[in-house]
Amino acid sequence: MALVELRDVVKTYPPTTRDGDPVVAVDHVDLDIHEGDVFGVIGYSGAGKSTLVRLVNALEPATSGRISIAGTDLTALPERDLRRERLGIGMIFQQFNLFSSRTVAGNIAYPLHVAGRPRAEIRARVDELLGFVGLGDKAKQYPEQLSGGQKQRVGIARALATAPRLLLADEATSALDPETTHEVLDLLRTVNRDLGITMVVITHEMDVIQNLATKVAVMEQGRVIEQGEVFEVFSRPEHPASRRFVSTVIKGVPSPDELAGLRARHRGRIVTVSFHDGGAAQAEVFVELARAGIAFELVYGGVNDIQGRAFGHLTLSLEASDRVIDETLARLRDRVEIVEAA
């Protein structure tokens, strides 16, 4: 059974004008998030990602549908019981949401005070988490004295304070520079691997999904338009919106305009060879081309690695007789996908 289940979940808001229609933020979404997943949810601004995460932690009620965590239907619970369920859900925010009047230790301790934990337990837990996120020397400092990356580490420690089974991260790296982003992603990876905490990562940054997530759902206009393992969605995106996202981090097949530029610069026949995990390696293709006496040049694309699995799209310019090229491509098509530019 999935740790988190969404079934036909809808969230609507009142019309923005007197004669307008209700605003549909989440539109009949089904998702299964299993124990140990790092489940990414991506989409452009307004796709419904942040609304979805507020539904999962019950900060907003669903208009219809069912949301269950560990078998408990959140949509059927009164507010009193929802407060107890939220203790098992940690939340990390884009803008950190730290209390400026509390020290680092005070921020981490806050959810434990709310939960009514004994003082000795709170002190021990805070010390443990400060060490875990690498801020053991910052306990008495205030948020204004910290860098952005340090603030987010405090936010992660606070989210972990009540030992949640589920951690939700809403654009947790969007306010950080690239180097700090990688440090925070490394910490989140450790949280998942070493603590066994299931994570839902809301982001518009594809490199965050590529580097952290195991599974991904793509949202557009409130709907989940594609979902699956990150490798499968990245290597073979089916929906146009998914392909647009993937193209921001991965060079795919050249567009018509790019293809026209390639033809203007290269005399040979233009073909794109797609490599997928388990198929022929690019070296095999190059050896076959060389053995046939075909002069080739890599003119577009690249090879990518996601969690130890490789895929990519290499566009080549081939120079030899048409007969030699046709025969060689026919042999290679048994092992790799090849598309020749029209």
Protein backbone atom coordinates (compact mmCIF):
# COMPACT_ATOMS: atom_id res chain seq x y z
CA MET A 1 0.00 0.00 0.00
CA ALA A 2 1.21 3.51 -0.79
CA LEU A 3 2.13 5.82 2.09
CA VAL A 4 0.28 8.69 0.37
CA GLU A 5 -2.74 8.12 -1.87
CA LEU A 6 -4.65 10.78 -3.80
CA ARG A 7 -7.83 9.64 -5.52
CA ASP A 8 -9.76 11.96 -7.86
CA VAL A 9 -8.68 15.01 -5.84
CA VAL A 10 -10.15 18.36 -6.84
CA LYS A 11 -9.55 21.80 -5.36
CA THR A 12 -11.53 24.79 -6.58
CA TYR A 13 -11.63 28.40 -5.45
CA PRO A 14 -14.46 30.93 -5.84
CA PRO A 15 -14.62 32.95 -9.09
CA THR A 16 -12.36 35.99 -9.21
CA THR A 17 -15.14 38.03 -10.83
CA ARG A 18 -18.88 38.16 -10.20
CA ASP A 19 -19.73 36.41 -13.48
CA GLY A 20 -16.68 34.18 -13.63
CA ASP A 21 -16.29 30.46 -13.20
CA PRO A 22 -14.71 28.78 -10.17
CA VAL A 23 -10.92 28.54 -10.38
CA VAL A 24 -9.81 24.91 -10.63
CA ALA A 25 -6.36 24.64 -9.02
CA VAL A 26 -6.18 20.83 -8.77
CA ASP A 27 -8.20 18.87 -11.30
CA HIS A 28 -9.02 15.19 -10.62
CA VAL A 29 -5.52 14.12 -9.54
CA ASP A 30 -4.56 10.52 -8.75
CA LEU A 31 -1.16 9.80 -7.19
CA ASP A 32 0.51 6.98 -5.26
CA ILE A 33 3.62 7.84 -3.24
CA HIS A 34 5.29 4.81 -1.70
CA GLU A 35 7.40 4.48 1.44
CA GLY A 36 10.95 5.64 0.73
CA ASP A 37 10.12 7.54 -2.47
CA VAL A 38 11.52 10.94 -3.29
CA PHE A 39 8.55 11.99 -5.37
CA GLY A 40 9.01 15.12 -7.46
CA VAL A 41 6.12 17.25 -8.68
CA ILE A 42 7.05 19.70 -11.44
CA GLY A 43 5.15 22.25 -13.46
CA TYR A 44 5.25 25.86 -14.56
CA SER A 45 3.93 28.63 -12.33
CA GLY A 46 0.19 28.21 -11.82
CA ALA A 47 0.20 24.48 -12.59
CA GLY A 48 -1.25 23.65 -9.16
CA LYS A 49 1.89 22.27 -7.46
CA SER A 50 1.80 24.36 -4.29
CA THR A 51 -1.94 23.87 -3.90
CA LEU A 52 -1.39 20.12 -4.14
CA VAL A 53 1.16 20.15 -1.31
CA ARG A 54 -1.18 22.19 0.91
CA LEU A 55 -3.83 19.54 0.35
CA VAL A 56 -1.43 16.74 1.31
CA ASN A 57 -0.57 18.36 4.64
CA ALA A 58 -4.22 19.32 5.19
CA LEU A 59 -3.53 23.05 5.41
CA GLU A 60 -6.39 23.36 2.92
CA PRO A 61 -9.37 21.04 2.47
CA ALA A 62 -9.94 19.29 -0.83
CA THR A 63 -13.15 20.23 -2.63
CA SER A 64 -13.68 16.57 -3.46
CA GLY A 65 -11.77 13.32 -3.63
CA ARG A 66 -9.78 11.40 -1.02
CA ILE A 67 -6.29 11.99 0.43
CA SER A 68 -4.89 9.22 2.64
CA ILE A 69 -1.61 9.02 4.55
CA ALA A 70 -0.65 5.63 5.98
CA GLY A 71 -4.26 4.52 5.51
CA THR A 72 -5.82 7.50 7.30
CA ASP A 73 -8.26 9.49 5.17
CA LEU A 74 -7.42 13.14 5.91
CA THR A 75 -10.52 14.37 4.14
CA ALA A 76 -12.71 12.63 6.74
CA LEU A 77 -11.01 14.03 9.86
CA PRO A 78 -12.07 16.98 12.03
CA GLU A 79 -9.52 19.75 12.64
CA ARG A 80 -8.61 18.38 16.09
CA ASP A 81 -7.47 15.10 14.58
CA LEU A 82 -5.79 16.81 11.63
CA ARG A 83 -3.47 18.66 14.04
CA ARG A 84 -2.26 15.30 15.33
CA GLU A 85 -1.75 13.95 11.80
CA ARG A 86 0.30 17.01 10.82
CA LEU A 87 2.89 16.08 13.46
CA GLY A 88 3.84 13.21 11.15
CA ILE A 89 4.34 15.56 8.18
CA GLY A 90 7.37 17.87 7.99
CA MET A 91 7.34 20.97 5.76
CA ILE A 92 10.20 22.91 4.16
CA PHE A 93 9.46 26.29 2.56
CA GLN A 94 11.04 28.38 -0.21
CA GLN A 95 11.47 31.46 2.01
CA PHE A 96 12.48 29.42 5.08
CA ASN A 97 9.63 30.80 7.27
CA LEU A 98 11.84 31.03 10.36
CA PHE A 99 10.86 33.05 13.41
CA SER A 100 13.18 36.07 13.45
CA SER A 101 12.69 36.52 17.20
CA ARG A 102 13.82 32.97 18.02
CA THR A 103 17.32 31.57 17.95
CA VAL A 104 18.27 28.69 15.69
CA ALA A 105 17.69 26.29 18.59
CA GLY A 106 14.38 28.00 19.36
CA ASN A 107 13.18 27.60 15.79
CA ILE A 108 13.98 23.90 15.76
CA ALA A 109 12.36 23.42 19.17
CA TYR A 110 9.12 25.18 18.23
CA PRO A 111 7.16 22.18 16.83
CA LEU A 112 8.25 20.11 19.83
CA HIS A 113 6.88 22.74 22.22
CA VAL A 114 3.62 22.75 20.26
CA ALA A 115 3.50 18.96 20.57
CA GLY A 116 3.92 19.25 24.35
CA ARG A 117 7.20 17.34 24.59
CA PRO A 118 9.19 17.47 27.88
CA ARG A 119 12.00 20.05 28.10
CA ALA A 120 14.77 17.48 28.45
CA GLU A 121 13.53 15.64 25.37
CA ILE A 122 13.36 18.90 23.43
CA ARG A 123 16.94 19.88 24.32
CA ALA A 124 18.27 16.47 23.34
CA ARG A 125 16.37 16.44 20.05
CA VAL A 126 17.49 19.96 19.14
CA ASP A 127 21.14 19.09 19.82
CA GLU A 128 20.81 15.94 17.73
CA LEU A 129 19.31 17.82 14.78
CA LEU A 130 21.83 20.67 14.95
CA GLY A 131 24.57 18.09 14.54
CA PHE A 132 22.72 16.30 11.76
CA VAL A 133 22.39 19.44 9.61
CA GLY A 134 25.90 20.68 10.43
CA LEU A 135 24.93 23.72 12.52
CA GLY A 136 26.14 22.63 15.95
CA ASP A 137 27.88 25.98 16.48
CA LYS A 138 24.88 28.12 15.44
CA ALA A 139 22.39 27.23 18.21
CA LYS A 140 22.34 30.68 19.81
CA GLN A 141 22.41 32.72 16.62
CA TYR A 142 19.35 34.33 15.04
CA PRO A 143 18.13 33.83 11.45
CA GLU A 144 19.36 37.26 10.32
CA GLN A 145 22.92 36.15 11.15
CA LEU A 146 22.74 33.13 8.81
CA SER A 147 23.29 32.63 5.09
CA GLY A 148 20.47 31.38 2.89
CA GLY A 149 21.82 27.85 2.91
CA GLN A 150 22.16 27.87 6.71
CA LYS A 151 18.58 29.14 7.05
CA GLN A 152 17.33 26.29 4.91
CA ARG A 153 19.29 23.81 7.04
CA VAL A 154 17.49 25.20 10.07
CA GLY A 155 14.22 24.78 8.18
CA ILE A 156 15.07 21.15 7.43
CA ALA A 157 16.02 20.49 11.06
CA ARG A 158 12.74 22.03 12.23
CA ALA A 159 10.79 19.92 9.74
CA LEU A 160 12.48 16.80 11.14
CA ALA A 161 11.90 17.72 14.80
CA THR A 162 8.84 15.52 15.35
CA ALA A 163 10.39 12.57 13.44
CA PRO A 164 7.87 12.68 10.56
CA ARG A 165 7.32 9.81 8.13
CA LEU A 166 6.67 12.28 5.32
CA LEU A 167 8.59 15.43 4.38
CA LEU A 168 7.16 18.01 1.97
CA ALA A 169 9.51 20.50 0.28
CA ASP A 170 7.86 23.38 -1.58
CA GLU A 171 10.43 25.05 -3.89
CA ALA A 172 13.00 24.50 -1.14
CA THR A 173 15.99 25.52 -3.27
CA SER A 174 14.50 28.28 -5.42
CA ALA A 175 15.95 31.07 -3.25
CA LEU A 176 19.45 29.57 -3.17
CA ASP A 177 22.50 29.92 -5.42
CA PRO A 178 23.63 26.84 -7.40
CA GLU A 179 26.40 25.77 -5.01
CA THR A 180 24.16 26.08 -1.96
CA THR A 181 21.37 24.28 -3.83
CA HIS A 182 23.62 21.23 -4.29
CA GLU A 183 24.54 21.27 -0.59
CA VAL A 184 20.85 21.32 0.40
CA LEU A 185 20.03 18.56 -2.10
CA ASP A 186 22.83 16.45 -0.62
CA LEU A 187 21.33 16.95 2.84
CA LEU A 188 17.84 16.02 1.62
CA ARG A 189 19.29 12.92 -0.04
CA THR A 190 20.83 11.97 3.30
CA VAL A 191 17.48 12.51 5.05
CA ASN A 192 15.84 10.09 2.64
CA ARG A 193 18.63 7.51 2.60
CA ASP A 194 19.71 7.48 6.26
CA LEU A 195 16.45 8.33 8.01
CA GLY A 196 14.15 6.52 5.57
CA ILE A 197 11.82 9.52 5.29
CA THR A 198 9.53 9.66 2.27
CA MET A 199 9.68 13.01 0.49
CA VAL A 200 7.49 15.01 -1.86
CA VAL A 201 9.48 17.72 -3.65
CA ILE A 202 7.55 20.53 -5.36
CA THR A 203 9.71 22.42 -7.86
CA HIS A 204 9.92 24.03 -11.26
CA GLU A 205 13.64 23.21 -11.49
CA MET A 206 14.28 20.11 -13.55
CA ASP A 207 17.84 19.70 -12.27
CA VAL A 208 16.43 19.30 -8.74
CA ILE A 209 14.33 16.37 -9.99
CA GLN A 210 17.27 14.95 -11.94
CA ASN A 211 19.56 15.02 -8.91
CA LEU A 212 17.18 14.07 -6.10
CA ALA A 213 13.92 12.43 -7.12
CA THR A 214 13.22 8.77 -7.84
CA LYS A 215 9.75 9.35 -9.32
CA VAL A 216 8.11 12.40 -10.85
CA ALA A 217 4.71 13.78 -11.81
CA VAL A 218 4.33 16.61 -14.31
CA MET A 219 1.45 19.03 -13.70
CA GLU A 220 -0.21 21.41 -16.12
CA GLN A 221 -3.37 23.44 -15.45
CA GLY A 222 -4.11 21.47 -12.30
CA ARG A 223 -3.81 18.03 -13.90
CA VAL A 224 -1.11 15.39 -13.69
CA ILE A 225 -0.29 14.89 -17.36
CA GLU A 226 2.56 12.39 -16.97
CA GLN A 227 4.16 10.44 -14.14
CA GLY A 228 6.61 7.62 -13.58
CA GLU A 229 10.22 6.90 -12.71
CA VAL A 230 12.46 9.90 -13.32
CA PHE A 231 14.62 8.00 -15.80
CA GLU A 232 11.63 6.97 -17.91
CA VAL A 233 10.04 10.44 -17.95
CA PHE A 234 13.36 12.12 -18.75
CA SER A 235 14.46 9.66 -21.42
CA ARG A 236 11.07 9.23 -23.13
CA PRO A 237 8.77 12.16 -22.25
CA GLU A 238 5.38 11.66 -23.91
CA HIS A 239 3.51 14.91 -23.25
CA PRO A 240 4.59 18.17 -24.95
CA ALA A 241 4.82 19.93 -21.56
CA SER A 242 7.07 17.16 -20.24
CA ARG A 243 9.28 17.48 -23.30
CA ARG A 244 9.57 21.24 -22.71
CA PHE A 245 10.70 20.66 -19.12
CA VAL A 246 13.17 17.95 -20.07
CA SER A 247 14.68 20.14 -22.80
CA THR A 248 15.77 22.68 -20.16
CA VAL A 249 18.38 20.25 -18.82
CA ILE A 250 18.80 17.72 -21.62
CA LYS A 251 19.64 18.29 -25.26
CA GLY A 252 17.16 16.29 -27.31
CA VAL A 253 16.33 16.16 -31.01
CA PRO A 254 17.05 19.50 -32.72
CA SER A 255 14.09 21.73 -33.50
CA PRO A 256 13.32 22.67 -37.13
CA ASP A 257 15.16 26.00 -36.71
CA GLU A 258 18.16 24.29 -35.12
CA LEU A 259 18.13 21.65 -37.84
CA ALA A 260 18.20 24.35 -40.53
CA GLY A 261 21.27 25.84 -38.85
CA LEU A 262 22.98 22.45 -38.71
CA ARG A 263 22.33 21.85 -42.42
CA ALA A 264 23.79 25.25 -43.27
CA ARG A 265 27.02 24.39 -41.41
CA HIS A 266 27.45 20.71 -42.31
CA ARG A 267 27.46 18.92 -45.68
CA GLY A 268 26.66 15.41 -44.47
CA ARG A 269 23.37 13.62 -43.84
CA ILE A 270 21.95 14.59 -40.45
CA VAL A 271 20.74 11.75 -38.22
CA THR A 272 19.87 11.60 -34.52
CA VAL A 273 20.81 8.47 -32.57
CA SER A 274 18.98 7.92 -29.25
CA PHE A 275 20.66 5.86 -26.53
CA HIS A 276 18.73 4.28 -23.67
CA ASP A 277 19.88 2.25 -20.70
CA GLY A 278 20.21 -1.38 -21.80
CA GLY A 279 20.71 -0.57 -25.48
CA ALA A 280 23.88 -0.21 -27.50
CA ALA A 281 26.53 2.10 -26.11
CA GLN A 282 27.55 5.13 -28.12
CA ALA A 283 31.02 3.61 -28.59
CA GLU A 284 29.46 0.67 -30.47
CA VAL A 285 27.75 3.05 -32.86
CA PHE A 286 30.93 5.02 -33.48
CA VAL A 287 32.90 1.81 -34.11
CA GLU A 288 30.29 0.62 -36.62
CA LEU A 289 30.35 3.94 -38.47
CA ALA A 290 34.14 3.96 -38.60
CA ARG A 291 34.28 0.34 -39.76
CA ALA A 292 31.99 1.23 -42.66
CA GLY A 293 34.27 4.12 -43.64
CA ILE A 294 31.70 6.79 -42.77
CA ALA A 295 33.13 10.15 -41.71
CA PHE A 296 30.99 11.43 -38.83
CA GLU A 297 30.85 14.51 -36.64
CA LEU A 298 28.83 15.10 -33.47
CA VAL A 299 26.90 18.32 -34.11
CA TYR A 300 24.19 18.41 -31.41
CA GLY A 301 22.99 16.68 -28.23
CA GLY A 302 24.63 14.86 -25.35
CA VAL A 303 24.54 11.87 -22.99
CA ASN A 304 23.06 12.15 -19.50
CA ASP A 305 23.31 10.07 -16.35
CA ILE A 306 20.42 9.72 -13.91
CA GLN A 307 21.09 7.61 -10.84
CA GLY A 308 23.61 5.45 -12.68
CA ARG A 309 21.53 4.97 -15.84
CA ALA A 310 22.59 6.61 -19.09
CA PHE A 311 20.56 7.96 -21.99
CA GLY A 312 20.96 10.64 -24.58
CA HIS A 313 20.41 11.92 -28.09
CA LEU A 314 23.39 12.47 -30.38
CA THR A 315 22.86 14.23 -33.70
CA LEU A 316 25.55 13.35 -36.23
CA SER A 317 26.59 14.57 -39.64
CA LEU A 318 27.50 11.54 -41.81
CA GLU A 319 29.59 11.67 -44.98
CA ALA A 320 29.84 8.66 -47.31
CA SER A 321 27.87 7.27 -50.23
CA ASP A 322 24.12 6.98 -49.66
CA ARG A 323 24.35 3.19 -50.11
CA VAL A 324 26.98 2.80 -47.39
CA ILE A 325 25.10 5.07 -44.99
CA ASP A 326 21.77 3.31 -45.64
CA GLU A 327 23.24 -0.17 -45.07
CA THR A 328 25.05 0.88 -41.89
CA LEU A 329 22.01 2.62 -40.41
CA ALA A 330 19.90 -0.46 -41.18
CA ARG A 331 22.29 -2.61 -39.14
CA LEU A 332 22.36 -0.12 -36.26
CA ARG A 333 18.57 0.22 -36.07
CA ASP A 334 18.40 -3.24 -34.52
CA ARG A 335 20.19 -1.82 -31.44
CA VAL A 336 19.42 1.91 -31.22
CA GLU A 337 16.74 4.40 -32.26
CA ILE A 338 17.78 6.40 -35.30
CA VAL A 339 15.84 9.28 -36.86
CA GLU A 340 17.07 10.92 -40.05
CA ALA A 341 16.23 14.55 -40.56
CA ALA A 342 13.62 15.01 -43.27
